[in-house]
Amino acid sequence: MTLGSLVKTWSGHAVRHLPDTPGLKLDVYDFSYCGRSAENRWNMAGSPTLYLAEGKKVALAEYARHFEDSRTPSLAGLTYRRKIFRFKVELEDVLDLRTASAWDRLSLTGAPDCFKDIAVARATANFIRKTTTAQAILVPSMAFLDDLDRWCLVLFLEKLPADPTEFLPSVRPAGVFAYTDERGH
């Protein structure tokens, strides 16, 4: 069986969060900033990539993990509160990187723990992006690596229609979360 044979149709729901800044109007379908960060695990800076989470708990845990690792204290006060949006997702070609069959086809050792190494995660995603029809990959949440039912969906935007409503046909507000550090700030 080839790696390409593991690429399947996938539909379900996933969430995205955006800053909840008073007076700031954000378009939930605006992906112009996606993939620009050099801190992303599953893409190189400049590769247009949208990250969605399985649910609110995964979104908050992933955000908190990045926040603690990568944000300066002065930025913290500006980004703690986030609006959550729940999308309906419909994709033709998705590779599930939470499965032993995918790990075997990719010759990965120590998966899913090997994805803690950002170089391994990026190389794996880039290989899939360049050599398969996959428009997205389902990946283990780094915040819940021991629970493969907790996932993130990594969408390769250049492989998807320009109109995001074709693959994210509906969205609704799903609340807010506010991150506080261990000191309560």
Protein backbone atom coordinates (compact mmCIF):
# COMPACT_ATOMS: atom_id res chain seq x y z
CA MET A 1 0.00 0.00 0.00
CA THR A 2 1.33 3.44 -0.94
CA LEU A 3 1.21 6.63 1.10
CA GLY A 4 -1.23 8.06 -1.44
CA SER A 5 -3.67 5.24 -0.73
CA LEU A 6 -4.02 6.59 2.82
CA VAL A 7 -5.33 9.94 1.55
CA LYS A 8 -9.10 9.99 2.16
CA THR A 9 -12.11 12.27 2.07
CA TRP A 10 -12.75 13.88 5.46
CA SER A 11 -15.57 15.96 6.89
CA GLY A 12 -16.35 17.11 10.37
CA HIS A 13 -16.12 20.16 12.59
CA ALA A 14 -13.10 22.08 13.80
CA VAL A 15 -12.42 25.36 15.55
CA ARG A 16 -10.31 28.44 14.99
CA HIS A 17 -9.69 31.29 17.40
CA LEU A 18 -8.97 34.95 16.72
CA PRO A 19 -8.13 37.89 18.98
CA ASP A 20 -11.09 39.42 20.82
CA THR A 21 -9.92 43.00 20.65
CA PRO A 22 -12.52 45.74 21.22
CA GLY A 23 -13.16 47.68 18.03
CA LEU A 24 -11.23 45.23 15.84
CA LYS A 25 -13.33 43.57 13.15
CA LEU A 26 -11.78 40.36 11.87
CA ASP A 27 -13.01 38.19 9.00
CA VAL A 28 -12.95 34.55 10.12
CA TYR A 29 -12.36 33.58 6.47
CA ASP A 30 -9.31 35.86 6.10
CA PHE A 31 -6.32 33.53 5.91
CA SER A 32 -3.80 36.10 4.68
CA TYR A 33 -1.66 35.71 7.82
CA CYS A 34 -1.76 31.92 7.85
CA GLY A 35 1.63 30.33 7.47
CA ARG A 36 3.71 33.47 7.94
CA SER A 37 5.07 32.61 11.37
CA ALA A 38 8.46 30.94 11.70
CA GLU A 39 7.18 29.26 14.89
CA ASN A 40 4.63 26.92 13.28
CA ARG A 41 5.27 23.22 13.75
CA TRP A 42 3.84 21.83 10.50
CA ASN A 43 4.95 24.40 7.92
CA MET A 44 7.86 26.60 7.00
CA ALA A 45 7.29 30.36 7.18
CA GLY A 46 5.71 31.50 3.95
CA SER A 47 3.80 28.29 3.21
CA PRO A 48 0.09 29.19 3.39
CA THR A 49 -1.20 26.91 6.14
CA LEU A 50 -4.34 27.09 8.26
CA TYR A 51 -4.45 25.34 11.62
CA LEU A 52 -7.79 24.21 13.07
CA ALA A 53 -8.36 22.31 16.30
CA GLU A 54 -10.61 19.36 17.16
CA GLY A 55 -12.40 21.44 19.80
CA LYS A 56 -12.17 24.24 22.32
CA LYS A 57 -10.00 22.31 24.78
CA VAL A 58 -7.42 21.49 22.12
CA ALA A 59 -7.49 25.07 20.79
CA LEU A 60 -6.91 26.51 24.27
CA ALA A 61 -4.21 23.97 25.17
CA GLU A 62 -2.34 24.55 21.90
CA TYR A 63 -2.63 28.32 22.27
CA ALA A 64 -1.42 28.22 25.87
CA ARG A 65 1.50 26.01 24.88
CA HIS A 66 2.57 28.46 22.16
CA PHE A 67 1.85 31.45 24.35
CA GLU A 68 4.13 30.28 27.13
CA ASP A 69 6.91 29.34 24.71
CA SER A 70 6.81 32.18 22.24
CA ARG A 71 5.16 35.38 23.45
CA THR A 72 6.71 38.36 25.17
CA PRO A 73 5.09 39.68 28.39
CA SER A 74 4.20 42.98 26.70
CA LEU A 75 2.21 41.13 24.03
CA ALA A 76 0.42 38.98 26.60
CA GLY A 77 -2.12 41.60 27.64
CA LEU A 78 -3.14 42.14 24.04
CA THR A 79 -3.81 38.52 23.16
CA TYR A 80 -5.20 36.65 26.15
CA ARG A 81 -8.89 36.78 25.19
CA ARG A 82 -9.85 34.92 22.01
CA LYS A 83 -13.07 34.45 20.03
CA ILE A 84 -13.74 30.86 18.99
CA PHE A 85 -15.40 29.91 15.71
CA ARG A 86 -16.65 26.44 14.77
CA PHE A 87 -16.38 25.46 11.12
CA LYS A 88 -17.99 22.69 9.14
CA VAL A 89 -15.09 21.19 7.20
CA GLU A 90 -15.39 19.24 3.92
CA LEU A 91 -12.14 18.07 2.31
CA GLU A 92 -11.48 15.68 -0.55
CA ASP A 93 -7.90 14.62 0.33
CA VAL A 94 -6.69 14.28 3.91
CA LEU A 95 -3.89 12.16 5.35
CA ASP A 96 -4.25 11.12 8.98
CA LEU A 97 -0.84 11.35 10.65
CA ARG A 98 -2.19 9.82 13.86
CA THR A 99 -2.08 6.29 12.46
CA ALA A 100 0.58 3.61 12.55
CA SER A 101 -0.01 2.90 8.85
CA ALA A 102 0.95 6.49 7.96
CA TRP A 103 4.00 6.35 10.25
CA ASP A 104 5.08 3.09 8.60
CA ARG A 105 4.67 4.44 5.04
CA LEU A 106 6.70 7.51 6.01
CA SER A 107 9.38 5.41 7.77
CA LEU A 108 8.93 7.41 10.97
CA THR A 109 10.41 5.99 14.14
CA GLY A 110 9.09 6.87 17.56
CA ALA A 111 5.85 8.40 16.30
CA PRO A 112 3.94 10.28 17.49
CA ASP A 113 6.66 11.48 19.90
CA CYS A 114 8.99 12.20 16.97
CA PHE A 115 6.70 15.13 16.06
CA LYS A 116 7.97 16.97 19.15
CA ASP A 117 10.99 17.70 16.98
CA ILE A 118 9.81 20.60 14.85
CA ALA A 119 12.25 19.67 12.07
CA VAL A 120 10.71 16.20 11.81
CA ALA A 121 7.16 17.59 11.82
CA ARG A 122 7.96 20.18 9.15
CA ALA A 123 9.85 17.73 6.95
CA THR A 124 7.01 15.20 7.21
CA ALA A 125 4.34 17.77 6.35
CA ASN A 126 6.40 19.24 3.51
CA PHE A 127 6.98 15.79 2.02
CA ILE A 128 3.23 15.06 2.14
CA ARG A 129 2.42 18.51 0.78
CA LYS A 130 4.78 18.08 -2.20
CA THR A 131 4.33 14.39 -3.07
CA THR A 132 0.66 13.57 -2.46
CA THR A 133 -2.75 14.96 -3.32
CA ALA A 134 -3.38 15.68 0.38
CA GLN A 135 -4.96 19.07 0.96
CA ALA A 136 -4.59 18.67 4.72
CA ILE A 137 -3.18 16.44 7.42
CA LEU A 138 -4.76 15.38 10.69
CA VAL A 139 -2.00 15.57 13.29
CA PRO A 140 -1.78 14.73 16.98
CA SER A 141 -2.22 17.69 19.30
CA MET A 142 1.15 18.42 20.87
CA ALA A 143 -0.73 19.37 24.05
CA PHE A 144 -2.41 15.94 24.22
CA LEU A 145 0.20 13.73 22.59
CA ASP A 146 -0.93 10.78 24.71
CA ASP A 147 -4.50 11.04 23.35
CA LEU A 148 -4.66 10.67 19.57
CA ASP A 149 -8.38 11.49 19.60
CA ARG A 150 -7.28 15.09 20.27
CA TRP A 151 -6.10 16.47 16.95
CA CYS A 152 -5.31 19.47 14.85
CA LEU A 153 -6.16 19.81 11.19
CA VAL A 154 -3.39 21.40 9.13
CA LEU A 155 -4.71 22.72 5.81
CA PHE A 156 -2.42 23.37 2.84
CA LEU A 157 -4.18 26.47 1.53
CA GLU A 158 -2.47 26.51 -1.88
CA LYS A 159 -4.09 23.13 -2.60
CA LEU A 160 -7.60 24.33 -1.75
CA PRO A 161 -10.13 26.47 -3.64
CA ALA A 162 -9.65 30.25 -3.45
CA ASP A 163 -13.17 30.54 -2.01
CA PRO A 164 -12.87 29.08 1.51
CA THR A 165 -16.61 28.48 1.74
CA GLU A 166 -16.06 25.60 -0.69
CA PHE A 167 -14.18 23.61 1.97
CA LEU A 168 -15.42 25.45 5.09
CA PRO A 169 -19.08 25.83 4.08
CA SER A 170 -20.36 27.14 7.39
CA VAL A 171 -19.09 28.82 10.52
CA ARG A 172 -20.67 29.92 13.75
CA PRO A 173 -19.40 31.69 16.86
CA ALA A 174 -18.53 29.18 19.58
CA GLY A 175 -17.71 31.39 22.55
CA VAL A 176 -14.48 32.81 23.90
CA PHE A 177 -11.59 31.73 26.01
CA ALA A 178 -9.16 33.71 28.06
CA TYR A 179 -5.72 32.37 28.80
CA THR A 180 -4.19 33.01 32.19
CA ASP A 181 -0.74 31.89 33.19
CA GLU A 182 0.10 29.95 36.34
CA ARG A 183 0.24 33.27 38.26
CA GLY A 184 -3.31 34.16 37.22
CA HIS A 185 -2.26 36.88 34.76
